[in-house]
């Protein structure tokens, strides 16, 4: 059961509002739709909901281009709707986590509009990174930095008379200008935004691109891997997050700060989790790991070792709104994940991917610390890879010239009921992204009636996770096993065994099978299958 340190053991469900449930029939998910589905989320057994940005936004980057941090996007509802949702979810024992985007804002934000209007040298432009260009007429960008979405990280402004002006920095899309975190007004504003949502009862904040906001003052060119990085993992960030922690700690009820931090250096990663900084951070090494026993074990061991010195719990997740869905990824010859490797037309075996995704669900839910479940994973949804090009919206697709498939395929609206689109997502027959015609068997309604479904597996696992004293945060003992088998024990004689070999394997001595991701065969554990056991005294 959860203590006041709820964030150490919570099962957290990620809600991509636009695609979760449509309450008003306009084809776009909204807060009314989420409120109507709270019974489903309570039955699923999650402890908290993490909402992707729900703020007013032009939606150039799925809401991560924020125009106003203190309101709700009109397509999703109102601030009053959000307050009702936070309260109603809490009445069901479900906490709320909001998404804060500190690195950049929308080009439609009042600050950036004022900066463009004020011109070079103004106080308004000091809140961003405006620079004159290089070359005789300033025609070249100030440096060679590249956008995360492809192309230059700089865009040139145009003056009222049509003449070209200064350049501004954007590590993502041009419509997402980077903020200057060396400016005290930027820091003060974000602390006030933090208080705004904590005052409304949110239990935590997920920090987008948390390793990026601070920049080297001179914005230098650099060579990746040779020079100090001018905008990733800057030491100045730690003072920023210490100030955020002081804000969070001033509230009752354990308000958690959760970082999205992609860093290969585990020691540098762990620095963000010191007792006076962030509470937890996403474990992307585990997410990106291929379906391989040795690799998964190494990732688990490295993750736990990195977190131990700072006393923070590790987090576990298989997917999110940016990543190819688990069922599809695990059905490929290369089951790892790398943004640089994304491409069109990669073959996948959906049945194999589903079998592995079921086993992976039991693995992650048995590991120590909080776990994140992206909406639709509990239904076993595959990546949608045939969205018509005229319906695609992700800037990753457009900025790459179409070579990157983008992230829309994992953001297709949820199927709830019925035999054809929109599958109960809303009353509109045309959701904002089209759903496949073969999802009738994947709807929540269909799976609720099937005891062998992915939904039934998740519900059973989450129920056991709440009642088994050894699950959630706490010690773990990885066992010596045959090659291709991953096994560990938790307190209370709980054991988890995962078979990644090509042959059935024998189980250790046990008193009871608590849950299996697939049927056992003559008492043996089949390939690509996981099982939870109540071990006998000798095996434990």
Protein backbone atom coordinates (compact mmCIF):
# COMPACT_ATOMS: atom_id res chain seq x y z
CA UNK A 1 0.00 0.00 0.00
CA UNK A 2 1.10 3.59 -0.59
CA UNK A 3 2.57 5.61 2.24
CA UNK A 4 2.91 9.38 2.29
CA UNK A 5 5.85 8.77 -0.08
CA UNK A 6 3.29 7.77 -2.69
CA UNK A 7 5.64 8.55 -5.57
CA UNK A 8 8.05 5.80 -4.50
CA UNK A 9 5.64 2.99 -5.41
CA UNK A 10 2.87 4.47 -7.53
CA UNK A 11 1.45 3.03 -10.74
CA UNK A 12 1.11 6.17 -12.86
CA UNK A 13 -1.09 6.26 -15.95
CA UNK A 14 -0.17 8.69 -18.71
CA UNK A 15 -3.14 10.52 -20.21
CA UNK A 16 -2.66 12.11 -23.62
CA UNK A 17 -5.87 14.12 -23.34
CA UNK A 18 -6.36 14.72 -27.04
CA UNK A 19 -6.59 10.96 -27.65
CA UNK A 20 -8.11 9.56 -24.45
CA UNK A 21 -11.87 10.20 -24.60
CA UNK A 22 -14.04 12.78 -26.37
CA UNK A 23 -16.79 14.10 -24.13
CA UNK A 24 -18.39 16.63 -26.48
CA UNK A 25 -18.27 14.79 -29.82
CA UNK A 26 -15.94 17.12 -31.71
CA UNK A 27 -13.34 14.44 -32.47
CA UNK A 28 -10.83 15.67 -29.88
CA UNK A 29 -10.35 14.18 -26.43
CA UNK A 30 -11.15 16.48 -23.52
CA UNK A 31 -11.38 16.70 -19.74
CA UNK A 32 -15.05 15.81 -19.77
CA UNK A 33 -14.08 12.57 -21.48
CA UNK A 34 -11.45 11.84 -18.84
CA UNK A 35 -13.91 12.55 -16.02
CA UNK A 36 -16.41 10.14 -17.58
CA UNK A 37 -13.72 7.43 -17.70
CA UNK A 38 -12.54 7.80 -14.11
CA UNK A 39 -14.40 4.58 -13.13
CA UNK A 40 -12.36 2.72 -15.78
CA UNK A 41 -9.11 4.14 -14.40
CA UNK A 42 -10.10 3.29 -10.84
CA UNK A 43 -10.98 -0.27 -11.90
CA UNK A 44 -7.66 -0.53 -13.69
CA UNK A 45 -5.98 0.13 -10.36
CA UNK A 46 -3.70 3.11 -11.01
CA UNK A 47 -2.57 5.50 -8.30
CA UNK A 48 -1.99 8.68 -10.30
CA UNK A 49 -2.65 10.28 -13.69
CA UNK A 50 0.04 12.17 -15.55
CA UNK A 51 -1.48 14.58 -18.06
CA UNK A 52 0.48 15.74 -21.08
CA UNK A 53 0.24 19.54 -21.49
CA UNK A 54 -3.40 20.58 -21.37
CA UNK A 55 -2.75 24.32 -21.69
CA UNK A 56 -3.78 26.78 -24.42
CA UNK A 57 -1.52 26.07 -27.38
CA UNK A 58 -1.46 26.30 -31.19
CA UNK A 59 -0.71 22.53 -30.98
CA UNK A 60 2.28 22.73 -33.31
CA UNK A 61 3.97 20.11 -31.12
CA UNK A 62 1.05 18.33 -29.51
CA UNK A 63 0.66 20.97 -26.79
CA UNK A 64 4.34 21.24 -25.85
CA UNK A 65 4.21 24.72 -27.38
CA UNK A 66 2.51 26.39 -24.41
CA UNK A 67 0.84 29.79 -24.83
CA UNK A 68 -0.52 30.10 -21.28
CA UNK A 69 0.54 27.94 -18.32
CA UNK A 70 -2.38 29.03 -16.14
CA UNK A 71 -5.34 27.94 -18.23
CA UNK A 72 -6.75 24.98 -20.18
CA UNK A 73 -6.86 24.59 -23.95
CA UNK A 74 -10.44 25.46 -25.04
CA UNK A 75 -10.68 22.17 -26.98
CA UNK A 76 -10.09 20.31 -23.69
CA UNK A 77 -12.37 22.36 -21.44
CA UNK A 78 -11.89 25.04 -18.82
CA UNK A 79 -9.81 25.62 -15.72
CA UNK A 80 -12.91 24.81 -13.69
CA UNK A 81 -13.12 21.46 -15.51
CA UNK A 82 -9.52 20.73 -14.57
CA UNK A 83 -10.18 21.57 -10.93
CA UNK A 84 -13.20 19.25 -10.93
CA UNK A 85 -11.14 16.47 -12.53
CA UNK A 86 -8.35 16.83 -9.96
CA UNK A 87 -10.87 16.67 -7.10
CA UNK A 88 -12.97 13.83 -8.54
CA UNK A 89 -9.91 11.72 -9.28
CA UNK A 90 -8.61 12.27 -5.76
CA UNK A 91 -11.99 11.16 -4.38
CA UNK A 92 -11.23 7.83 -6.09
CA UNK A 93 -7.75 7.70 -4.63
CA UNK A 94 -6.07 8.85 -7.84
CA UNK A 95 -3.60 11.74 -7.75
CA UNK A 96 -2.90 14.16 -10.62
CA UNK A 97 0.45 15.08 -12.18
CA UNK A 98 0.71 17.98 -14.63
CA UNK A 99 3.33 18.55 -17.31
CA UNK A 100 5.52 21.68 -17.15
CA UNK A 101 7.63 22.69 -20.17
CA UNK A 102 10.48 24.94 -18.95
CA UNK A 103 12.82 24.91 -21.95
CA UNK A 104 10.57 26.82 -24.31
CA UNK A 105 7.16 28.40 -24.82
CA UNK A 106 4.90 28.91 -27.81
CA UNK A 107 5.56 31.63 -30.32
CA UNK A 108 1.97 32.69 -29.51
CA UNK A 109 2.87 33.32 -25.84
CA UNK A 110 2.53 37.02 -24.86
CA UNK A 111 6.20 37.14 -23.89
CA UNK A 112 7.41 36.17 -27.34
CA UNK A 113 4.94 38.38 -29.17
CA UNK A 114 6.16 41.29 -27.03
CA UNK A 115 9.78 40.40 -27.79
CA UNK A 116 9.17 40.44 -31.53
CA UNK A 117 7.38 43.76 -31.30
CA UNK A 118 10.00 45.39 -29.05
CA UNK A 119 12.95 44.76 -31.34
CA UNK A 120 16.70 44.28 -30.85
CA UNK A 121 18.27 45.30 -27.54
CA UNK A 122 14.95 45.36 -25.68
CA UNK A 123 14.28 43.97 -22.21
CA UNK A 124 11.57 41.77 -23.74
CA UNK A 125 14.12 39.98 -25.93
CA UNK A 126 16.37 39.27 -22.95
CA UNK A 127 13.87 36.57 -21.89
CA UNK A 128 14.91 34.56 -24.97
CA UNK A 129 18.07 33.94 -27.00
CA UNK A 130 18.06 36.54 -29.74
CA UNK A 131 21.33 37.06 -31.62
CA UNK A 132 22.53 38.83 -34.77
CA UNK A 133 23.44 36.50 -37.57
CA UNK A 134 26.86 35.74 -39.00
CA UNK A 135 28.05 36.89 -42.40
CA UNK A 136 28.21 40.30 -44.01
CA UNK A 137 24.46 40.81 -43.79
CA UNK A 138 23.71 38.51 -40.85
CA UNK A 139 22.41 35.92 -43.27
CA UNK A 140 23.82 32.89 -41.42
CA UNK A 141 22.62 31.50 -38.07
CA UNK A 142 24.59 32.56 -34.96
CA UNK A 143 25.92 29.01 -34.51
CA UNK A 144 25.59 25.52 -35.97
CA UNK A 145 23.24 24.05 -33.36
CA UNK A 146 20.65 21.65 -34.73
CA UNK A 147 16.99 21.37 -33.76
CA UNK A 148 15.80 18.18 -32.07
CA UNK A 149 13.25 18.03 -34.88
CA UNK A 150 15.80 18.45 -37.67
CA UNK A 151 17.25 21.49 -39.39
CA UNK A 152 18.80 24.56 -37.80
CA UNK A 153 17.95 25.52 -34.22
CA UNK A 154 17.72 29.16 -35.35
CA UNK A 155 15.04 31.14 -37.20
CA UNK A 156 15.48 34.67 -38.46
CA UNK A 157 12.96 37.35 -37.60
CA UNK A 158 11.45 39.79 -40.04
CA UNK A 159 10.97 43.45 -39.15
CA UNK A 160 7.75 45.43 -39.62
CA UNK A 161 9.12 46.78 -42.91
CA UNK A 162 9.89 43.29 -44.18
CA UNK A 163 13.65 43.45 -43.69
CA UNK A 164 15.40 40.47 -42.05
CA UNK A 165 16.41 40.93 -38.43
CA UNK A 166 17.90 38.98 -35.56
CA UNK A 167 17.77 35.23 -35.12
CA UNK A 168 16.20 33.40 -32.18
CA UNK A 169 17.01 29.97 -30.73
CA UNK A 170 14.62 27.01 -30.71
CA UNK A 171 15.91 23.54 -29.88
CA UNK A 172 12.60 22.15 -31.12
CA UNK A 173 10.22 23.69 -33.70
CA UNK A 174 10.53 27.35 -34.80
CA UNK A 175 7.18 27.93 -33.07
CA UNK A 176 8.84 26.95 -29.74
CA UNK A 177 11.36 29.68 -28.85
CA UNK A 178 13.78 28.74 -26.05
CA UNK A 179 13.66 30.73 -22.83
CA UNK A 180 16.73 32.35 -21.29
CA UNK A 181 17.02 30.67 -17.89
CA UNK A 182 19.81 33.04 -16.84
CA UNK A 183 17.14 35.74 -16.53
CA UNK A 184 15.56 36.01 -13.05
CA UNK A 185 12.11 36.74 -14.48
CA UNK A 186 12.06 33.35 -16.23
CA UNK A 187 12.91 31.59 -12.97
CA UNK A 188 10.38 33.55 -10.95
CA UNK A 189 7.62 32.94 -13.50
CA UNK A 190 8.06 29.18 -13.44
CA UNK A 191 8.06 29.05 -9.66
CA UNK A 192 4.75 30.92 -9.72
CA UNK A 193 3.37 28.49 -12.31
CA UNK A 194 4.41 25.66 -10.02
CA UNK A 195 2.53 27.23 -7.12
CA UNK A 196 -0.51 27.87 -9.33
CA UNK A 197 -1.01 24.15 -9.98
CA UNK A 198 0.04 22.95 -6.54
CA UNK A 199 -2.57 25.32 -5.10
CA UNK A 200 -5.14 23.47 -7.22
CA UNK A 201 -4.29 20.15 -5.66
CA UNK A 202 -1.96 18.49 -8.13
CA UNK A 203 0.31 15.93 -6.49
CA UNK A 204 3.25 16.26 -8.83
CA UNK A 205 4.87 17.89 -11.81
CA UNK A 206 6.54 16.14 -14.73
CA UNK A 207 9.31 18.34 -16.16
CA UNK A 208 9.66 18.13 -19.93
CA UNK A 209 13.18 18.04 -21.43
CA UNK A 210 14.54 18.68 -17.95
CA UNK A 211 18.21 18.53 -18.98
CA UNK A 212 17.95 21.29 -21.62
CA UNK A 213 16.84 24.69 -20.22
CA UNK A 214 20.25 26.10 -19.17
CA UNK A 215 22.56 27.28 -21.97
CA UNK A 216 26.22 28.32 -22.06
CA UNK A 217 26.17 32.16 -21.99
CA UNK A 218 28.15 32.57 -25.24
CA UNK A 219 26.13 29.89 -27.12
CA UNK A 220 29.28 28.35 -28.66
CA UNK A 221 29.62 25.87 -31.45
CA UNK A 222 30.72 22.46 -30.23
CA UNK A 223 31.66 18.97 -31.32
CA UNK A 224 29.46 16.28 -29.78
CA UNK A 225 31.47 14.12 -27.39
CA UNK A 226 34.58 16.30 -27.48
CA UNK A 227 33.57 19.70 -26.13
CA UNK A 228 31.52 20.52 -23.02
CA UNK A 229 27.91 20.48 -24.09
CA UNK A 230 26.50 24.02 -24.24
CA UNK A 231 22.87 23.09 -23.55
CA UNK A 232 22.57 19.53 -22.20
CA UNK A 233 23.02 18.75 -18.50
CA UNK A 234 24.47 22.13 -17.50
CA UNK A 235 25.48 22.47 -13.86
CA UNK A 236 23.26 25.55 -13.50
CA UNK A 237 20.19 23.33 -13.72
CA UNK A 238 20.70 21.93 -10.24
CA UNK A 239 20.20 25.28 -8.57
CA UNK A 240 16.99 25.74 -10.57
CA UNK A 241 15.58 22.40 -9.45
CA UNK A 242 16.63 22.99 -5.85
CA UNK A 243 14.47 26.10 -5.89
CA UNK A 244 11.59 24.07 -7.36
CA UNK A 245 12.04 21.47 -4.64
CA UNK A 246 11.77 24.16 -1.97
CA UNK A 247 8.46 25.21 -3.52
CA UNK A 248 7.16 21.63 -3.65
CA UNK A 249 8.27 20.92 -0.07
CA UNK A 250 6.35 23.94 1.19
CA UNK A 251 3.09 22.07 0.43
CA UNK A 252 1.49 19.29 2.42
CA UNK A 253 0.96 15.83 1.00
CA UNK A 254 4.25 14.93 -0.70
CA UNK A 255 4.22 16.85 -3.99
CA UNK A 256 6.64 15.14 -6.40
CA UNK A 257 8.96 16.53 -9.08
CA UNK A 258 9.59 14.10 -11.95
CA UNK A 259 12.21 14.78 -14.60
CA UNK A 260 12.33 13.76 -18.25
CA UNK A 261 16.09 13.32 -18.45
CA UNK A 262 17.81 11.53 -21.34
CA UNK A 263 21.46 11.10 -20.25
CA UNK A 264 23.84 8.21 -21.00
CA UNK A 265 26.00 8.97 -17.94
CA UNK A 266 24.25 7.32 -14.97
CA UNK A 267 26.26 9.28 -12.41
CA UNK A 268 25.30 12.59 -14.01
CA UNK A 269 21.71 11.36 -14.21
CA UNK A 270 21.64 10.53 -10.49
CA UNK A 271 22.76 14.04 -9.52
CA UNK A 272 19.28 15.30 -10.38
CA UNK A 273 17.82 12.91 -7.79
CA UNK A 274 19.73 14.09 -4.75
CA UNK A 275 17.49 14.65 -1.72
CA UNK A 276 17.08 18.38 -2.34
CA UNK A 277 16.37 18.15 -6.09
CA UNK A 278 13.93 16.00 -8.09
CA UNK A 279 12.09 13.05 -6.55
CA UNK A 280 12.31 10.74 -9.57
CA UNK A 281 13.23 10.75 -13.26
CA UNK A 282 12.24 8.62 -16.22
CA UNK A 283 14.36 5.52 -16.89
CA UNK A 284 14.84 5.64 -20.63
CA UNK A 285 17.69 3.12 -20.66
CA UNK A 286 15.25 0.39 -19.66
CA UNK A 287 12.60 1.59 -22.14
CA UNK A 288 15.08 1.51 -25.04
CA UNK A 289 16.53 -1.89 -24.13
CA UNK A 290 15.95 -4.73 -26.64
CA UNK A 291 14.11 -7.93 -25.75
CA UNK A 292 17.17 -9.71 -24.42
CA UNK A 293 17.65 -11.26 -20.99
CA UNK A 294 21.26 -10.15 -20.53
CA UNK A 295 20.51 -6.62 -21.73
CA UNK A 296 17.44 -6.25 -19.55
CA UNK A 297 19.28 -7.56 -16.51
CA UNK A 298 22.20 -5.20 -17.13
CA UNK A 299 19.81 -2.27 -17.47
CA UNK A 300 18.02 -3.16 -14.23
CA UNK A 301 21.29 -3.59 -12.35
CA UNK A 302 22.76 -0.34 -13.68
CA UNK A 303 19.56 1.55 -12.92
CA UNK A 304 19.37 0.33 -9.34
CA UNK A 305 23.08 1.01 -8.79
CA UNK A 306 22.74 4.58 -10.08
CA UNK A 307 19.79 5.35 -7.82
CA UNK A 308 21.13 3.74 -4.65
CA UNK A 309 23.65 6.45 -3.64
CA UNK A 310 21.00 9.19 -3.71
CA UNK A 311 18.21 7.12 -2.13
CA UNK A 312 15.79 7.73 -5.00
CA UNK A 313 13.53 5.00 -6.39
CA UNK A 314 14.07 3.84 -9.95
CA UNK A 315 11.22 4.27 -12.40
CA UNK A 316 10.10 1.79 -15.05
CA UNK A 317 8.22 2.33 -18.30
CA UNK A 318 7.82 0.59 -21.63
CA UNK A 319 6.47 3.45 -23.74
CA UNK A 320 5.10 6.98 -23.83
CA UNK A 321 3.66 9.51 -26.26
CA UNK A 322 7.00 9.83 -28.12
CA UNK A 323 7.94 6.17 -28.52
CA UNK A 324 6.90 3.35 -30.86
CA UNK A 325 4.29 1.26 -29.03
CA UNK A 326 5.52 -1.83 -27.23
CA UNK A 327 3.49 -4.40 -29.18
CA UNK A 328 4.97 -3.16 -32.44
CA UNK A 329 8.52 -2.62 -31.19
CA UNK A 330 8.79 -6.03 -29.53
CA UNK A 331 7.60 -7.73 -32.70
CA UNK A 332 10.56 -6.49 -34.72
CA UNK A 333 13.95 -8.08 -35.38
CA UNK A 334 15.48 -5.07 -33.60
CA UNK A 335 13.28 -4.56 -30.55
CA UNK A 336 15.31 -1.69 -29.08
CA UNK A 337 14.26 1.94 -29.41
CA UNK A 338 16.29 4.79 -30.83
CA UNK A 339 14.86 7.99 -32.30
CA UNK A 340 17.63 7.99 -34.91
CA UNK A 341 16.64 4.50 -36.09
CA UNK A 342 12.97 5.25 -36.71
CA UNK A 343 11.98 4.53 -40.30
CA UNK A 344 9.05 3.59 -42.49
CA UNK A 345 8.22 0.03 -43.43
CA UNK A 346 9.96 -1.95 -40.67
CA UNK A 347 8.34 -5.44 -40.55
CA UNK A 348 6.75 -6.50 -37.28
CA UNK A 349 5.16 -9.69 -35.98
CA UNK A 350 2.16 -8.45 -34.01
CA UNK A 351 1.42 -11.79 -32.31
CA UNK A 352 5.01 -12.08 -31.13
CA UNK A 353 5.04 -8.44 -30.03
CA UNK A 354 1.83 -8.92 -28.06
CA UNK A 355 3.19 -12.00 -26.30
CA UNK A 356 6.36 -10.16 -25.34
CA UNK A 357 4.45 -7.02 -24.30
CA UNK A 358 2.36 -9.13 -21.90
CA UNK A 359 5.51 -10.59 -20.36
CA UNK A 360 7.16 -7.17 -20.20
CA UNK A 361 4.14 -5.79 -18.33
CA UNK A 362 4.65 -8.33 -15.54
CA UNK A 363 8.37 -7.60 -15.48
CA UNK A 364 7.99 -3.84 -15.07
CA UNK A 365 5.14 -4.08 -12.55
CA UNK A 366 7.26 -6.36 -10.35
CA UNK A 367 10.37 -4.14 -10.26
CA UNK A 368 10.99 -1.83 -7.26
CA UNK A 369 9.79 1.75 -7.58
CA UNK A 370 7.08 3.59 -9.51
CA UNK A 371 5.87 2.37 -12.90
CA UNK A 372 4.37 4.37 -15.79
CA UNK A 373 1.68 3.02 -18.12
CA UNK A 374 1.00 4.94 -21.31
CA UNK A 375 -2.68 4.97 -22.24
CA UNK A 376 -3.56 2.07 -24.52
CA UNK A 377 -0.70 -0.14 -23.38
CA UNK A 378 -3.18 -1.91 -21.12
CA UNK A 379 -5.18 -2.70 -24.27
CA UNK A 380 -2.16 -3.91 -26.23
CA UNK A 381 -2.58 -1.25 -28.91
CA UNK A 382 -0.06 -1.46 -31.77
CA UNK A 383 1.61 1.49 -33.47
CA UNK A 384 -0.55 2.80 -36.32
CA UNK A 385 1.86 3.01 -39.24
CA UNK A 386 -0.45 3.75 -42.15
CA UNK A 387 -1.95 7.12 -41.20
CA UNK A 388 -2.59 9.07 -44.44
CA UNK A 389 0.05 11.73 -44.95
CA UNK A 390 -2.57 14.47 -45.14
CA UNK A 391 -3.66 13.58 -41.57
CA UNK A 392 -0.20 13.55 -39.98
CA UNK A 393 0.55 16.39 -37.58
CA UNK A 394 3.86 15.67 -35.86
CA UNK A 395 6.65 18.19 -36.61
CA UNK A 396 9.19 15.35 -36.45
CA UNK A 397 7.68 14.04 -39.69
CA UNK A 398 7.59 17.40 -41.45
CA UNK A 399 10.98 18.72 -40.25
CA UNK A 400 12.65 15.50 -41.45
CA UNK A 401 11.13 15.83 -44.91
CA UNK A 402 9.03 12.74 -44.24
CA UNK A 403 11.94 10.37 -43.54
CA UNK A 404 11.05 10.15 -39.83
CA UNK A 405 7.62 8.53 -39.38
CA UNK A 406 6.95 10.87 -36.47
CA UNK A 407 5.03 10.11 -33.29
CA UNK A 408 1.41 10.26 -34.43
CA UNK A 409 1.24 6.46 -34.67
CA UNK A 410 1.33 6.06 -30.88
CA UNK A 411 -1.14 8.91 -30.33
CA UNK A 412 -4.15 7.51 -32.20
CA UNK A 413 -7.35 7.86 -30.10
CA UNK A 414 -8.30 5.10 -27.66
CA UNK A 415 -10.88 2.47 -28.70
CA UNK A 416 -13.55 2.07 -26.03
CA UNK A 417 -16.44 0.10 -27.52
CA UNK A 418 -18.22 -0.93 -30.70
CA UNK A 419 -17.11 -2.56 -33.94
CA UNK A 420 -15.94 0.36 -36.05
CA UNK A 421 -14.35 3.80 -35.65
CA UNK A 422 -14.60 5.88 -33.53
CA UNK A 423 -15.01 2.88 -31.18
CA UNK A 424 -16.78 4.89 -28.51
CA UNK A 425 -14.02 7.51 -28.38
CA UNK A 426 -16.75 10.08 -28.98
CA UNK A 427 -19.87 10.62 -31.04
CA UNK A 428 -17.89 11.97 -33.98
CA UNK A 429 -17.05 9.46 -36.70
CA UNK A 430 -13.80 11.26 -37.48
CA UNK A 431 -11.38 11.66 -34.55
CA UNK A 432 -8.46 14.05 -34.96
CA UNK A 433 -6.28 11.09 -35.99
CA UNK A 434 -7.92 8.16 -37.83
CA UNK A 435 -8.26 4.81 -36.06
CA UNK A 436 -7.64 1.48 -37.84
CA UNK A 437 -10.61 -0.54 -38.99
CA UNK A 438 -9.44 -3.71 -37.22
CA UNK A 439 -9.44 -2.53 -33.59
CA UNK A 440 -12.85 -3.95 -32.58
CA UNK A 441 -11.22 -6.77 -30.61
CA UNK A 442 -8.95 -4.28 -28.84
CA UNK A 443 -11.66 -2.06 -27.36
CA UNK A 444 -11.88 -1.76 -23.59
CA UNK A 445 -15.42 -3.16 -23.76
CA UNK A 446 -14.37 -6.28 -25.68
CA UNK A 447 -11.37 -6.91 -23.46
CA UNK A 448 -13.32 -6.43 -20.22
CA UNK A 449 -15.35 -9.51 -21.17
CA UNK A 450 -12.27 -11.63 -21.95
CA UNK A 451 -10.34 -13.04 -18.95
CA UNK A 452 -7.36 -13.73 -21.22
CA UNK A 453 -7.12 -10.17 -22.57
CA UNK A 454 -4.31 -7.67 -22.08
CA UNK A 455 -6.69 -5.49 -20.04
CA UNK A 456 -7.51 -8.40 -17.73
CA UNK A 457 -3.78 -9.05 -17.27
CA UNK A 458 -3.07 -5.42 -16.33
CA UNK A 459 -6.01 -5.28 -13.94
CA UNK A 460 -4.93 -8.48 -12.21
CA UNK A 461 -1.30 -7.37 -12.01
CA UNK A 462 -2.14 -3.94 -10.63
CA UNK A 463 -4.46 -5.49 -8.06
CA UNK A 464 -1.71 -7.83 -6.89
CA UNK A 465 0.79 -4.99 -6.91
CA UNK A 466 -1.35 -3.16 -4.36
CA UNK A 467 -1.84 -6.17 -2.10
CA UNK A 468 1.52 -7.96 -2.26
CA UNK A 469 3.69 -6.48 0.53
CA UNK A 470 6.90 -7.09 -1.39
CA UNK A 471 5.91 -5.11 -4.49
CA UNK A 472 6.34 -1.42 -5.12
CA UNK A 473 9.39 0.23 -3.57
CA UNK A 474 11.75 -2.01 -1.66
CA UNK A 475 14.57 -4.55 -1.99
CA UNK A 476 15.09 -6.92 -4.90
CA UNK A 477 17.40 -9.91 -5.40
CA UNK A 478 18.34 -10.85 -8.95
CA UNK A 479 18.92 -14.60 -9.26
CA UNK A 480 21.56 -16.58 -11.09
CA UNK A 481 19.75 -18.33 -13.92
CA UNK A 482 20.29 -20.17 -17.15
CA UNK A 483 21.13 -18.07 -20.19
CA UNK A 484 18.05 -16.32 -21.56
CA UNK A 485 16.13 -16.39 -18.29
CA UNK A 486 15.65 -13.36 -16.03
CA UNK A 487 14.44 -13.98 -12.48
CA UNK A 488 14.33 -12.11 -9.20
CA UNK A 489 12.68 -12.22 -5.80
CA UNK A 490 11.02 -9.57 -3.70
CA UNK A 491 10.02 -9.62 -0.04
CA UNK A 492 7.28 -12.00 1.10
CA UNK A 493 8.54 -14.97 -0.96
CA UNK A 494 7.46 -13.25 -4.18
CA UNK A 495 9.24 -14.31 -7.35
CA UNK A 496 9.17 -13.18 -10.98
CA UNK A 497 10.57 -15.33 -13.81
CA UNK A 498 10.82 -14.24 -17.45
CA UNK A 499 11.73 -16.68 -20.22
CA UNK A 500 13.47 -15.09 -23.20
CA UNK A 501 14.86 -18.34 -24.58
CA UNK A 502 13.39 -20.26 -27.48
CA UNK A 503 12.38 -23.22 -25.32
CA UNK A 504 10.11 -23.84 -22.31
CA UNK A 505 11.96 -23.70 -18.98
CA UNK A 506 11.30 -25.20 -15.56
CA UNK A 507 10.07 -22.99 -12.76
CA UNK A 508 11.75 -22.74 -9.37
CA UNK A 509 10.09 -24.40 -6.40
CA UNK A 510 6.87 -22.57 -5.59
CA UNK A 511 3.69 -22.88 -3.60
CA UNK A 512 1.44 -20.89 -5.94
CA UNK A 513 1.29 -19.32 -9.38
CA UNK A 514 -0.02 -15.83 -8.71
CA UNK A 515 -0.22 -14.63 -12.31
CA UNK A 516 1.21 -15.57 -15.71
CA UNK A 517 1.39 -13.56 -18.92
CA UNK A 518 0.42 -16.68 -20.89
CA UNK A 519 -0.58 -20.31 -20.26
CA UNK A 520 2.01 -22.64 -18.78
CA UNK A 521 2.75 -25.86 -20.69
CA UNK A 522 2.89 -28.97 -18.51
CA UNK A 523 4.14 -26.81 -15.66
CA UNK A 524 6.88 -25.25 -17.79
CA UNK A 525 7.24 -21.55 -18.66
CA UNK A 526 6.95 -21.04 -22.45
CA UNK A 527 9.18 -18.65 -24.42
CA UNK A 528 8.41 -14.93 -24.18
CA UNK A 529 6.31 -15.51 -21.05
CA UNK A 530 6.57 -14.18 -17.50
CA UNK A 531 5.12 -15.52 -14.27
CA UNK A 532 4.63 -14.27 -10.71
CA UNK A 533 5.11 -16.94 -8.07
CA UNK A 534 4.68 -17.49 -4.37
CA UNK A 535 7.97 -19.28 -3.75
CA UNK A 536 8.55 -22.09 -1.31
CA UNK A 537 11.01 -21.53 1.51
CA UNK A 538 14.03 -23.01 -0.29
CA UNK A 539 13.52 -21.10 -3.56
CA UNK A 540 12.89 -17.79 -1.77
